[in-house]
């Protein structure tokens, strides 16, 4: 059974940094794009960042210059480095694997709280 597990969330002060991980198992990780989303309470789930199998990256405007997505295929893991965090970044962060004509696999999410 495919598993996607996010980790690395927590409580951080404004201006701080966190590094989220997205670990996949039972999946040919290297052939999937990896996409990060986030969902704040009472809000829709928003796209945050994407990394393709060719390591091309794409970011939402509200994280450009602050967040960096990367992947380590040998570890079946993708990362989201988040810098200069502010309270508006508070949300549950989700990771999804994407491959055309195949099911999407989602993780359970990891909570990020930015507060002083």
PDB file of N, CA and C in Angstrom:
ATOM      1  N   UNK A   1       0.850  -1.189   0.000  1.00  0.00           N
ATOM      2  CA  UNK A   1       0.000   0.000   0.000  1.00  0.00           C
ATOM      3  C   UNK A   1       0.886   1.240   0.000  1.00  0.00           C
ATOM      4  N   UNK A   2       0.596   2.143  -0.923  1.00  0.00           N
ATOM      5  CA  UNK A   2       1.375   3.371  -1.030  1.00  0.00           C
ATOM      6  C   UNK A   2       1.189   4.218   0.224  1.00  0.00           C
ATOM      7  N   UNK A   3       2.290   4.753   0.709  1.00  0.00           N
ATOM      8  CA  UNK A   3       2.220   5.664   1.856  1.00  0.00           C
ATOM      9  C   UNK A   3       2.985   6.938   1.546  1.00  0.00           C
ATOM     10  N   UNK A   4       2.362   8.050   1.877  1.00  0.00           N
ATOM     11  CA  UNK A   4       2.998   9.356   1.810  1.00  0.00           C
ATOM     12  C   UNK A   4       2.937   9.929   3.215  1.00  0.00           C
ATOM     13  N   UNK A   5       4.079  10.276   3.778  1.00  0.00           N
ATOM     14  CA  UNK A   5       4.116  10.746   5.162  1.00  0.00           C
ATOM     15  C   UNK A   5       4.875  12.068   5.226  1.00  0.00           C
ATOM     16  N   UNK A   6       4.173  13.091   5.686  1.00  0.00           N
ATOM     17  CA  UNK A   6       4.800  14.388   5.895  1.00  0.00           C
ATOM     18  C   UNK A   6       5.310  14.485   7.334  1.00  0.00           C
ATOM     19  N   UNK A   7       6.378  15.230   7.512  1.00  0.00           N
ATOM     20  CA  UNK A   7       6.904  15.473   8.852  1.00  0.00           C
ATOM     21  C   UNK A   7       7.668  16.788   8.840  1.00  0.00           C
ATOM     22  N   UNK A   8       8.021  17.243  10.032  1.00  0.00           N
ATOM     23  CA  UNK A   8       8.830  18.450  10.152  1.00  0.00           C
ATOM     24  C   UNK A   8       8.071  19.689  10.565  1.00  0.00           C
ATOM     25  N   UNK A   9       6.762  19.571  10.686  1.00  0.00           N
ATOM     26  CA  UNK A   9       5.996  20.719  11.122  1.00  0.00           C
ATOM     27  C   UNK A   9       6.213  21.014  12.594  1.00  0.00           C
ATOM     28  N   UNK A  10       5.644  22.134  13.027  1.00  0.00           N
ATOM     29  CA  UNK A  10       5.779  22.507  14.432  1.00  0.00           C
ATOM     30  C   UNK A  10       5.459  23.962  14.638  1.00  0.00           C
ATOM     31  N   UNK A  11       5.836  24.440  15.815  1.00  0.00           N
ATOM     32  CA  UNK A  11       5.620  25.834  16.185  1.00  0.00           C
ATOM     33  C   UNK A  11       6.916  26.607  15.961  1.00  0.00           C
ATOM     34  N   UNK A  12       6.828  27.718  15.276  1.00  0.00           N
ATOM     35  CA  UNK A  12       8.003  28.532  14.995  1.00  0.00           C
ATOM     36  C   UNK A  12       7.626  30.003  15.120  1.00  0.00           C
ATOM     37  N   UNK A  13       8.579  30.811  15.523  1.00  0.00           N
ATOM     38  CA  UNK A  13       8.321  32.239  15.650  1.00  0.00           C
ATOM     39  C   UNK A  13       8.360  32.917  14.284  1.00  0.00           C
ATOM     40  N   UNK A  14       7.680  34.036  14.156  1.00  0.00           N
ATOM     41  CA  UNK A  14       7.753  34.784  12.890  1.00  0.00           C
ATOM     42  C   UNK A  14       9.204  35.078  12.517  1.00  0.00           C
ATOM     43  N   UNK A  15       9.493  34.903  11.233  1.00  0.00           N
ATOM     44  CA  UNK A  15      10.856  35.059  10.756  1.00  0.00           C
ATOM     45  C   UNK A  15      11.672  33.788  10.791  1.00  0.00           C
ATOM     46  N   UNK A  16      11.144  32.769  11.418  1.00  0.00           N
ATOM     47  CA  UNK A  16      11.871  31.513  11.550  1.00  0.00           C
ATOM     48  C   UNK A  16      11.754  30.622  10.332  1.00  0.00           C
ATOM     49  N   UNK A  17      12.349  29.443  10.456  1.00  0.00           N
ATOM     50  CA  UNK A  17      12.401  28.493   9.349  1.00  0.00           C
ATOM     51  C   UNK A  17      11.980  27.106   9.813  1.00  0.00           C
ATOM     52  N   UNK A  18      11.463  26.353   8.873  1.00  0.00           N
ATOM     53  CA  UNK A  18      11.182  24.943   9.063  1.00  0.00           C
ATOM     54  C   UNK A  18      11.494  24.211   7.766  1.00  0.00           C
ATOM     55  N   UNK A  19      11.806  22.940   7.911  1.00  0.00           N
ATOM     56  CA  UNK A  19      12.014  22.097   6.737  1.00  0.00           C
ATOM     57  C   UNK A  19      11.060  20.914   6.832  1.00  0.00           C
ATOM     58  N   UNK A  20      10.134  20.856   5.911  1.00  0.00           N
ATOM     59  CA  UNK A  20       9.191  19.757   5.870  1.00  0.00           C
ATOM     60  C   UNK A  20       9.731  18.642   4.982  1.00  0.00           C
ATOM     61  N   UNK A  21       9.384  17.433   5.356  1.00  0.00           N
ATOM     62  CA  UNK A  21       9.758  16.263   4.558  1.00  0.00           C
ATOM     63  C   UNK A  21       8.504  15.547   4.088  1.00  0.00           C
ATOM     64  N   UNK A  22       8.628  14.917   2.955  1.00  0.00           N
ATOM     65  CA  UNK A  22       7.544  14.126   2.368  1.00  0.00           C
ATOM     66  C   UNK A  22       8.162  12.797   1.950  1.00  0.00           C
ATOM     67  N   UNK A  23       7.931  11.784   2.746  1.00  0.00           N
ATOM     68  CA  UNK A  23       8.545  10.483   2.500  1.00  0.00           C
ATOM     69  C   UNK A  23       7.519   9.538   1.883  1.00  0.00           C
ATOM     70  N   UNK A  24       7.923   8.873   0.827  1.00  0.00           N
ATOM     71  CA  UNK A  24       7.022   7.974   0.108  1.00  0.00           C
ATOM     72  C   UNK A  24       7.530   6.543   0.184  1.00  0.00           C
ATOM     73  N   UNK A  25       6.585   5.615   0.246  1.00  0.00           N
ATOM     74  CA  UNK A  25       6.945   4.202   0.207  1.00  0.00           C
ATOM     75  C   UNK A  25       5.974   3.457  -0.702  1.00  0.00           C
ATOM     76  N   UNK A  26       6.419   2.314  -1.200  1.00  0.00           N
ATOM     77  CA  UNK A  26       5.627   1.482  -2.114  1.00  0.00           C
ATOM     78  C   UNK A  26       5.229   2.262  -3.357  1.00  0.00           C
ATOM     79  N   UNK A  27       6.133   3.073  -3.859  1.00  0.00           N
ATOM     80  CA  UNK A  27       5.856   3.905  -5.022  1.00  0.00           C
ATOM     81  C   UNK A  27       7.158   4.116  -5.788  1.00  0.00           C
ATOM     82  N   UNK A  28       7.041   4.181  -7.103  1.00  0.00           N
ATOM     83  CA  UNK A  28       8.222   4.494  -7.917  1.00  0.00           C
ATOM     84  C   UNK A  28       8.430   6.000  -7.868  1.00  0.00           C
ATOM     85  N   UNK A  29       8.994   6.449  -6.787  1.00  0.00           N
ATOM     86  CA  UNK A  29       9.044   7.867  -6.444  1.00  0.00           C
ATOM     87  C   UNK A  29       9.581   8.734  -7.580  1.00  0.00           C
ATOM     88  N   UNK A  30      10.591   8.266  -8.247  1.00  0.00           N
ATOM     89  CA  UNK A  30      11.272   9.117  -9.222  1.00  0.00           C
ATOM     90  C   UNK A  30      10.422   9.458 -10.439  1.00  0.00           C
ATOM     91  N   UNK A  31       9.329   8.746 -10.671  1.00  0.00           N
ATOM     92  CA  UNK A  31       8.513   9.019 -11.857  1.00  0.00           C
ATOM     93  C   UNK A  31       7.326   9.924 -11.544  1.00  0.00           C
ATOM     94  N   UNK A  32       7.211  10.334 -10.285  1.00  0.00           N
ATOM     95  CA  UNK A  32       6.100  11.187  -9.862  1.00  0.00           C
ATOM     96  C   UNK A  32       6.570  12.614  -9.641  1.00  0.00           C
ATOM     97  N   UNK A  33       5.746  13.558 -10.070  1.00  0.00           N
ATOM     98  CA  UNK A  33       5.889  14.920  -9.578  1.00  0.00           C
ATOM     99  C   UNK A  33       5.448  14.933  -8.113  1.00  0.00           C
ATOM    100  N   UNK A  34       6.020  15.835  -7.345  1.00  0.00           N
ATOM    101  CA  UNK A  34       5.627  16.005  -5.946  1.00  0.00           C
ATOM    102  C   UNK A  34       5.120  17.429  -5.770  1.00  0.00           C
ATOM    103  N   UNK A  35       3.980  17.517  -5.128  1.00  0.00           N
ATOM    104  CA  UNK A  35       3.323  18.817  -4.974  1.00  0.00           C
ATOM    105  C   UNK A  35       3.006  19.043  -3.502  1.00  0.00           C
ATOM    106  N   UNK A  36       3.296  20.224  -3.023  1.00  0.00           N
ATOM    107  CA  UNK A  36       2.924  20.625  -1.668  1.00  0.00           C
ATOM    108  C   UNK A  36       1.712  21.564  -1.736  1.00  0.00           C
ATOM    109  N   UNK A  37       0.786  21.335  -0.810  1.00  0.00           N
ATOM    110  CA  UNK A  37      -0.379  22.192  -0.627  1.00  0.00           C
ATOM    111  C   UNK A  37      -0.433  22.591   0.843  1.00  0.00           C
ATOM    112  N   UNK A  38      -1.269  23.562   1.129  1.00  0.00           N
ATOM    113  CA  UNK A  38      -1.534  23.896   2.516  1.00  0.00           C
ATOM    114  C   UNK A  38      -2.987  24.300   2.680  1.00  0.00           C
ATOM    115  N   UNK A  39      -3.468  24.087   3.893  1.00  0.00           N
ATOM    116  CA  UNK A  39      -4.855  24.414   4.200  1.00  0.00           C
ATOM    117  C   UNK A  39      -4.934  25.021   5.582  1.00  0.00           C
ATOM    118  N   UNK A  40      -5.342  26.274   5.628  1.00  0.00           N
ATOM    119  CA  UNK A  40      -5.561  26.951   6.900  1.00  0.00           C
ATOM    120  C   UNK A  40      -6.986  26.668   7.364  1.00  0.00           C
ATOM    121  N   UNK A  41      -7.248  26.807   8.660  1.00  0.00           N
ATOM    122  CA  UNK A  41      -8.589  26.526   9.176  1.00  0.00           C
ATOM    123  C   UNK A  41      -9.657  27.335   8.446  1.00  0.00           C
ATOM    124  N   UNK A  42     -10.694  26.655   7.987  1.00  0.00           N
ATOM    125  CA  UNK A  42     -11.793  27.328   7.323  1.00  0.00           C
ATOM    126  C   UNK A  42     -11.496  27.792   5.911  1.00  0.00           C
ATOM    127  N   UNK A  43     -10.321  27.422   5.394  1.00  0.00           N
ATOM    128  CA  UNK A  43      -9.917  27.871   4.059  1.00  0.00           C
ATOM    129  C   UNK A  43      -9.810  26.684   3.109  1.00  0.00           C
ATOM    130  N   UNK A  44      -9.765  26.971   1.834  1.00  0.00           N
ATOM    131  CA  UNK A  44      -9.552  25.911   0.857  1.00  0.00           C
ATOM    132  C   UNK A  44      -8.096  25.491   0.864  1.00  0.00           C
ATOM    133  N   UNK A  45      -7.857  24.327   0.282  1.00  0.00           N
ATOM    134  CA  UNK A  45      -6.488  23.832   0.171  1.00  0.00           C
ATOM    135  C   UNK A  45      -5.815  24.533  -1.003  1.00  0.00           C
ATOM    136  N   UNK A  46      -4.690  25.141  -0.738  1.00  0.00           N
ATOM    137  CA  UNK A  46      -4.005  25.946  -1.744  1.00  0.00           C
ATOM    138  C   UNK A  46      -2.710  25.284  -2.204  1.00  0.00           C
ATOM    139  N   UNK A  47      -2.408  25.441  -3.466  1.00  0.00           N
ATOM    140  CA  UNK A  47      -1.134  25.009  -4.022  1.00  0.00           C
ATOM    141  C   UNK A  47      -0.004  25.843  -3.424  1.00  0.00           C
ATOM    142  N   UNK A  48       1.101  25.181  -3.086  1.00  0.00           N
ATOM    143  CA  UNK A  48       2.266  25.874  -2.538  1.00  0.00           C
ATOM    144  C   UNK A  48       3.462  25.763  -3.487  1.00  0.00           C
ATOM    145  N   UNK A  49       3.812  24.528  -3.843  1.00  0.00           N
ATOM    146  CA  UNK A  49       5.006  24.339  -4.673  1.00  0.00           C
ATOM    147  C   UNK A  49       4.948  22.971  -5.336  1.00  0.00           C
ATOM    148  N   UNK A  50       5.675  22.854  -6.454  1.00  0.00           N
ATOM    149  CA  UNK A  50       5.726  21.604  -7.205  1.00  0.00           C
ATOM    150  C   UNK A  50       7.146  21.368  -7.688  1.00  0.00           C
ATOM    151  N   UNK A  51       7.546  20.121  -7.693  1.00  0.00           N
ATOM    152  CA  UNK A  51       8.801  19.745  -8.339  1.00  0.00           C
ATOM    153  C   UNK A  51       8.524  18.572  -9.263  1.00  0.00           C
ATOM    154  N   UNK A  52       8.947  18.692 -10.486  1.00  0.00           N
ATOM    155  CA  UNK A  52       8.685  17.644 -11.462  1.00  0.00           C
ATOM    156  C   UNK A  52       9.765  16.579 -11.413  1.00  0.00           C
ATOM    157  N   UNK A  53       9.559  15.552 -12.217  1.00  0.00           N
ATOM    158  CA  UNK A  53      10.560  14.490 -12.307  1.00  0.00           C
ATOM    159  C   UNK A  53      11.855  15.011 -12.916  1.00  0.00           C
ATOM    160  N   UNK A  54      11.748  16.092 -13.674  1.00  0.00           N
ATOM    161  CA  UNK A  54      12.933  16.719 -14.264  1.00  0.00           C
ATOM    162  C   UNK A  54      13.497  17.823 -13.384  1.00  0.00           C
ATOM    163  N   UNK A  55      13.027  17.886 -12.154  1.00  0.00           N
ATOM    164  CA  UNK A  55      13.506  18.851 -11.152  1.00  0.00           C
ATOM    165  C   UNK A  55      13.118  20.289 -11.486  1.00  0.00           C
ATOM    166  N   UNK A  56      12.121  20.444 -12.361  1.00  0.00           N
ATOM    167  CA  UNK A  56      11.602  21.782 -12.599  1.00  0.00           C
ATOM    168  C   UNK A  56      10.710  22.160 -11.427  1.00  0.00           C
ATOM    169  N   UNK A  57      10.811  23.387 -10.962  1.00  0.00           N
ATOM    170  CA  UNK A  57      10.037  23.816  -9.799  1.00  0.00           C
ATOM    171  C   UNK A  57       9.074  24.940 -10.158  1.00  0.00           C
ATOM    172  N   UNK A  58       8.028  25.022  -9.361  1.00  0.00           N
ATOM    173  CA  UNK A  58       6.985  26.025  -9.554  1.00  0.00           C
ATOM    174  C   UNK A  58       6.465  26.382  -8.174  1.00  0.00           C
ATOM    175  N   UNK A  59       6.198  27.678  -7.952  1.00  0.00           N
ATOM    176  CA  UNK A  59       5.785  28.137  -6.623  1.00  0.00           C
ATOM    177  C   UNK A  59       4.566  29.038  -6.708  1.00  0.00           C
ATOM    178  N   UNK A  60       3.781  29.007  -5.654  1.00  0.00           N
ATOM    179  CA  UNK A  60       2.739  30.002  -5.502  1.00  0.00           C
ATOM    180  C   UNK A  60       3.389  31.353  -5.250  1.00  0.00           C
ATOM    181  N   UNK A  61       2.729  32.404  -5.699  1.00  0.00           N
ATOM    182  CA  UNK A  61       3.305  33.737  -5.552  1.00  0.00           C
ATOM    183  C   UNK A  61       3.609  34.070  -4.101  1.00  0.00           C
ATOM    184  N   UNK A  62       2.756  33.602  -3.196  1.00  0.00           N
ATOM    185  CA  UNK A  62       2.908  34.021  -1.802  1.00  0.00           C
ATOM    186  C   UNK A  62       4.082  33.332  -1.090  1.00  0.00           C
ATOM    187  N   UNK A  63       4.755  32.397  -1.754  1.00  0.00           N
ATOM    188  CA  UNK A  63       5.920  31.771  -1.134  1.00  0.00           C
ATOM    189  C   UNK A  63       7.202  31.973  -1.935  1.00  0.00           C
ATOM    190  N   UNK A  64       7.087  32.573  -3.105  1.00  0.00           N
ATOM    191  CA  UNK A  64       8.279  32.767  -3.941  1.00  0.00           C
ATOM    192  C   UNK A  64       9.335  33.567  -3.192  1.00  0.00           C
ATOM    193  N   UNK A  65      10.562  33.083  -3.263  1.00  0.00           N
ATOM    194  CA  UNK A  65      11.657  33.746  -2.586  1.00  0.00           C
ATOM    195  C   UNK A  65      11.822  33.351  -1.137  1.00  0.00           C
ATOM    196  N   UNK A  66      10.848  32.633  -0.591  1.00  0.00           N
ATOM    197  CA  UNK A  66      10.940  32.208   0.817  1.00  0.00           C
ATOM    198  C   UNK A  66      11.003  30.690   0.960  1.00  0.00           C
ATOM    199  N   UNK A  67      10.295  29.980   0.103  1.00  0.00           N
ATOM    200  CA  UNK A  67      10.230  28.520   0.182  1.00  0.00           C
ATOM    201  C   UNK A  67      11.021  27.911  -0.959  1.00  0.00           C
ATOM    202  N   UNK A  68      11.609  26.755  -0.691  1.00  0.00           N
ATOM    203  CA  UNK A  68      12.329  26.011  -1.715  1.00  0.00           C
ATOM    204  C   UNK A  68      11.934  24.547  -1.651  1.00  0.00           C
ATOM    205  N   UNK A  69      11.507  24.024  -2.784  1.00  0.00           N
ATOM    206  CA  UNK A  69      11.157  22.612  -2.869  1.00  0.00           C
ATOM    207  C   UNK A  69      12.323  21.851  -3.491  1.00  0.00           C
ATOM    208  N   UNK A  70      12.553  20.654  -3.005  1.00  0.00           N
ATOM    209  CA  UNK A  70      13.620  19.824  -3.543  1.00  0.00           C
ATOM    210  C   UNK A  70      13.200  18.357  -3.404  1.00  0.00           C
ATOM    211  N   UNK A  71      13.987  17.496  -4.000  1.00  0.00           N
ATOM    212  CA  UNK A  71      13.694  16.072  -3.902  1.00  0.00           C
ATOM    213  C   UNK A  71      14.983  15.277  -3.895  1.00  0.00           C
ATOM    214  N   UNK A  72      14.924  14.128  -3.226  1.00  0.00           N
ATOM    215  CA  UNK A  72      16.057  13.205  -3.181  1.00  0.00           C
ATOM    216  C   UNK A  72      15.503  11.831  -3.555  1.00  0.00           C
ATOM    217  N   UNK A  73      15.584  11.518  -4.814  1.00  0.00           N
ATOM    218  CA  UNK A  73      14.960  10.275  -5.288  1.00  0.00           C
ATOM    219  C   UNK A  73      15.554   9.040  -4.619  1.00  0.00           C
ATOM    220  N   UNK A  74      16.832   9.094  -4.324  1.00  0.00           N
ATOM    221  CA  UNK A  74      17.460   7.937  -3.675  1.00  0.00           C
ATOM    222  C   UNK A  74      16.880   7.683  -2.288  1.00  0.00           C
ATOM    223  N   UNK A  75      16.306   8.717  -1.693  1.00  0.00           N
ATOM    224  CA  UNK A  75      15.699   8.598  -0.367  1.00  0.00           C
ATOM    225  C   UNK A  75      14.187   8.514  -0.435  1.00  0.00           C
ATOM    226  N   UNK A  76      13.624   8.545  -1.655  1.00  0.00           N
ATOM    227  CA  UNK A  76      12.156   8.584  -1.815  1.00  0.00           C
ATOM    228  C   UNK A  76      11.535   9.707  -0.998  1.00  0.00           C
ATOM    229  N   UNK A  77      12.180  10.843  -0.987  1.00  0.00           N
ATOM    230  CA  UNK A  77      11.757  11.946  -0.130  1.00  0.00           C
ATOM    231  C   UNK A  77      11.844  13.271  -0.876  1.00  0.00           C
ATOM    232  N   UNK A  78      10.858  14.105  -0.611  1.00  0.00           N
ATOM    233  CA  UNK A  78      10.881  15.480  -1.079  1.00  0.00           C
ATOM    234  C   UNK A  78      10.879  16.394   0.134  1.00  0.00           C
ATOM    235  N   UNK A  79      11.351  17.605  -0.086  1.00  0.00           N
ATOM    236  CA  UNK A  79      11.491  18.552   1.018  1.00  0.00           C
ATOM    237  C   UNK A  79      10.871  19.892   0.646  1.00  0.00           C
ATOM    238  N   UNK A  80      10.463  20.599   1.689  1.00  0.00           N
ATOM    239  CA  UNK A  80      10.025  21.976   1.510  1.00  0.00           C
ATOM    240  C   UNK A  80      10.728  22.804   2.576  1.00  0.00           C
ATOM    241  N   UNK A  81      11.724  23.560   2.142  1.00  0.00           N
ATOM    242  CA  UNK A  81      12.433  24.460   3.048  1.00  0.00           C
ATOM    243  C   UNK A  81      11.653  25.763   3.103  1.00  0.00           C
ATOM    244  N   UNK A  82      11.256  26.155   4.300  1.00  0.00           N
ATOM    245  CA  UNK A  82      10.421  27.344   4.474  1.00  0.00           C
ATOM    246  C   UNK A  82      11.175  28.345   5.339  1.00  0.00           C
ATOM    247  N   UNK A  83      11.464  29.494   4.779  1.00  0.00           N
ATOM    248  CA  UNK A  83      12.177  30.559   5.487  1.00  0.00           C
ATOM    249  C   UNK A  83      11.293  31.786   5.616  1.00  0.00           C
ATOM    250  N   UNK A  84      11.691  32.671   6.478  1.00  0.00           N
ATOM    251  CA  UNK A  84      10.967  33.937   6.678  1.00  0.00           C
ATOM    252  C   UNK A  84       9.485  33.690   6.891  1.00  0.00           C
ATOM    253  N   UNK A  85       9.187  32.749   7.750  1.00  0.00           N
ATOM    254  CA  UNK A  85       7.785  32.390   7.986  1.00  0.00           C
ATOM    255  C   UNK A  85       7.054  33.519   8.698  1.00  0.00           C
ATOM    256  N   UNK A  86       5.784  33.649   8.382  1.00  0.00           N
ATOM    257  CA  UNK A  86       4.938  34.628   9.037  1.00  0.00           C
ATOM    258  C   UNK A  86       3.621  33.968   9.428  1.00  0.00           C
ATOM    259  N   UNK A  87       2.849  34.606  10.286  1.00  0.00           N
ATOM    260  CA  UNK A  87       1.618  33.969  10.770  1.00  0.00           C
ATOM    261  C   UNK A  87       0.676  33.521   9.654  1.00  0.00           C
ATOM    262  N   UNK A  88       0.708  34.187   8.507  1.00  0.00           N
ATOM    263  CA  UNK A  88      -0.158  33.785   7.392  1.00  0.00           C
ATOM    264  C   UNK A  88       0.230  32.427   6.810  1.00  0.00           C
ATOM    265  N   UNK A  89       1.404  31.942   7.160  1.00  0.00           N
ATOM    266  CA  UNK A  89       1.835  30.617   6.694  1.00  0.00           C
ATOM    267  C   UNK A  89       1.311  29.490   7.582  1.00  0.00           C
ATOM    268  N   UNK A  90       0.638  29.836   8.656  1.00  0.00           N
ATOM    269  CA  UNK A  90       0.076  28.826   9.545  1.00  0.00           C
ATOM    270  C   UNK A  90      -0.974  28.007   8.804  1.00  0.00           C
ATOM    271  N   UNK A  91      -0.783  26.702   8.783  1.00  0.00           N
ATOM    272  CA  UNK A  91      -1.675  25.811   8.038  1.00  0.00           C
ATOM    273  C   UNK A  91      -1.217  24.376   8.243  1.00  0.00           C
ATOM    274  N   UNK A  92      -2.060  23.461   7.796  1.00  0.00           N
ATOM    275  CA  UNK A  92      -1.623  22.077   7.649  1.00  0.00           C
ATOM    276  C   UNK A  92      -1.041  21.945   6.246  1.00  0.00           C
ATOM    277  N   UNK A  93       0.151  21.398   6.162  1.00  0.00           N
ATOM    278  CA  UNK A  93       0.840  21.245   4.889  1.00  0.00           C
ATOM    279  C   UNK A  93       0.746  19.792   4.443  1.00  0.00           C
ATOM    280  N   UNK A  94       0.322  19.622   3.201  1.00  0.00           N
ATOM    281  CA  UNK A  94       0.114  18.295   2.629  1.00  0.00           C
ATOM    282  C   UNK A  94       1.037  18.087   1.431  1.00  0.00           C
ATOM    283  N   UNK A  95       1.405  16.852   1.260  1.00  0.00           N
ATOM    284  CA  UNK A  95       2.236  16.458   0.133  1.00  0.00           C
ATOM    285  C   UNK A  95       1.428  15.493  -0.739  1.00  0.00           C
ATOM    286  N   UNK A  96       1.580  15.623  -2.040  1.00  0.00           N
ATOM    287  CA  UNK A  96       0.863  14.759  -2.966  1.00  0.00           C
ATOM    288  C   UNK A  96       1.811  14.307  -4.059  1.00  0.00           C
ATOM    289  N   UNK A  97       1.695  13.048  -4.427  1.00  0.00           N
ATOM    290  CA  UNK A  97       2.416  12.572  -5.609  1.00  0.00           C
ATOM    291  C   UNK A  97       1.490  12.672  -6.807  1.00  0.00           C
ATOM    292  N   UNK A  98       2.045  13.025  -7.950  1.00  0.00           N
ATOM    293  CA  UNK A  98       1.229  13.196  -9.148  1.00  0.00           C
ATOM    294  C   UNK A  98       1.907  12.547 -10.337  1.00  0.00           C
ATOM    295  N   UNK A  99       1.098  11.766 -11.042  1.00  0.00           N
ATOM    296  CA  UNK A  99       1.521  11.166 -12.304  1.00  0.00           C
ATOM    297  C   UNK A  99       0.294  11.103 -13.196  1.00  0.00           C
ATOM    298  N   UNK A 100       0.437  11.594 -14.404  1.00  0.00           N
ATOM    299  CA  UNK A 100      -0.701  11.618 -15.322  1.00  0.00           C
ATOM    300  C   UNK A 100      -1.265  10.214 -15.497  1.00  0.00           C
ATOM    301  N   UNK A 101      -2.594  10.135 -15.472  1.00  0.00           N
ATOM    302  CA  UNK A 101      -3.314   8.871 -15.669  1.00  0.00           C
ATOM    303  C   UNK A 101      -3.070   7.862 -14.548  1.00  0.00           C
ATOM    304  N   UNK A 102      -2.645   8.334 -13.407  1.00  0.00           N
ATOM    305  CA  UNK A 102      -2.477   7.468 -12.239  1.00  0.00           C
ATOM    306  C   UNK A 102      -3.122   8.158 -11.038  1.00  0.00           C
ATOM    307  N   UNK A 103      -3.464   7.384 -10.018  1.00  0.00           N
ATOM    308  CA  UNK A 103      -4.070   8.012  -8.831  1.00  0.00           C
ATOM    309  C   UNK A 103      -3.099   8.966  -8.151  1.00  0.00           C
ATOM    310  N   UNK A 104      -3.644  10.031  -7.554  1.00  0.00           N
ATOM    311  CA  UNK A 104      -2.855  10.882  -6.679  1.00  0.00           C
ATOM    312  C   UNK A 104      -2.769  10.216  -5.307  1.00  0.00           C
ATOM    313  N   UNK A 105      -1.630  10.337  -4.679  1.00  0.00           N
ATOM    314  CA  UNK A 105      -1.465   9.839  -3.312  1.00  0.00           C
ATOM    315  C   UNK A 105      -1.150  11.018  -2.406  1.00  0.00           C
ATOM    316  N   UNK A 106      -1.930  11.116  -1.336  1.00  0.00           N
ATOM    317  CA  UNK A 106      -1.806  12.215  -0.387  1.00  0.00           C
ATOM    318  C   UNK A 106      -1.286  11.701   0.949  1.00  0.00           C
ATOM    319  N   UNK A 107      -0.557  12.591   1.630  1.00  0.00           N
ATOM    320  CA  UNK A 107      -0.200  12.311   3.007  1.00  0.00           C
ATOM    321  C   UNK A 107      -1.272  12.835   3.942  1.00  0.00           C
ATOM    322  N   UNK A 108      -1.023  12.632   5.237  1.00  0.00           N
ATOM    323  CA  UNK A 108      -1.999  13.020   6.256  1.00  0.00           C
ATOM    324  C   UNK A 108      -1.829  14.478   6.685  1.00  0.00           C
ATOM    325  N   UNK A 109      -0.722  15.082   6.273  1.00  0.00           N
ATOM    326  CA  UNK A 109      -0.492  16.485   6.601  1.00  0.00           C
ATOM    327  C   UNK A 109       0.362  16.671   7.842  1.00  0.00           C
ATOM    328  N   UNK A 110       1.007  17.820   7.911  1.00  0.00           N
ATOM    329  CA  UNK A 110       1.789  18.201   9.085  1.00  0.00           C
ATOM    330  C   UNK A 110       1.463  19.653   9.415  1.00  0.00           C
ATOM    331  N   UNK A 111       1.235  19.908  10.701  1.00  0.00           N
ATOM    332  CA  UNK A 111       0.806  21.235  11.127  1.00  0.00           C
ATOM    333  C   UNK A 111       1.998  22.172  11.249  1.00  0.00           C
ATOM    334  N   UNK A 112       1.869  23.338  10.664  1.00  0.00           N
ATOM    335  CA  UNK A 112       2.851  24.413  10.822  1.00  0.00           C
ATOM    336  C   UNK A 112       2.139  25.593  11.476  1.00  0.00           C
ATOM    337  N   UNK A 113       2.666  26.030  12.607  1.00  0.00           N
ATOM    338  CA  UNK A 113       2.100  27.171  13.311  1.00  0.00           C
ATOM    339  C   UNK A 113       3.181  28.225  13.488  1.00  0.00           C
ATOM    340  N   UNK A 114       2.892  29.418  13.001  1.00  0.00           N
ATOM    341  CA  UNK A 114       3.844  30.525  13.112  1.00  0.00           C
ATOM    342  C   UNK A 114       3.247  31.543  14.079  1.00  0.00           C
ATOM    343  N   UNK A 115       3.873  31.656  15.227  1.00  0.00           N
ATOM    344  CA  UNK A 115       3.328  32.520  16.270  1.00  0.00           C
ATOM    345  C   UNK A 115       4.423  32.907  17.244  1.00  0.00           C
ATOM    346  N   UNK A 116       4.283  34.102  17.790  1.00  0.00           N
ATOM    347  CA  UNK A 116       5.222  34.532  18.824  1.00  0.00           C
ATOM    348  C   UNK A 116       4.670  34.194  20.207  1.00  0.00           C
TER     349      UNK A 116
END
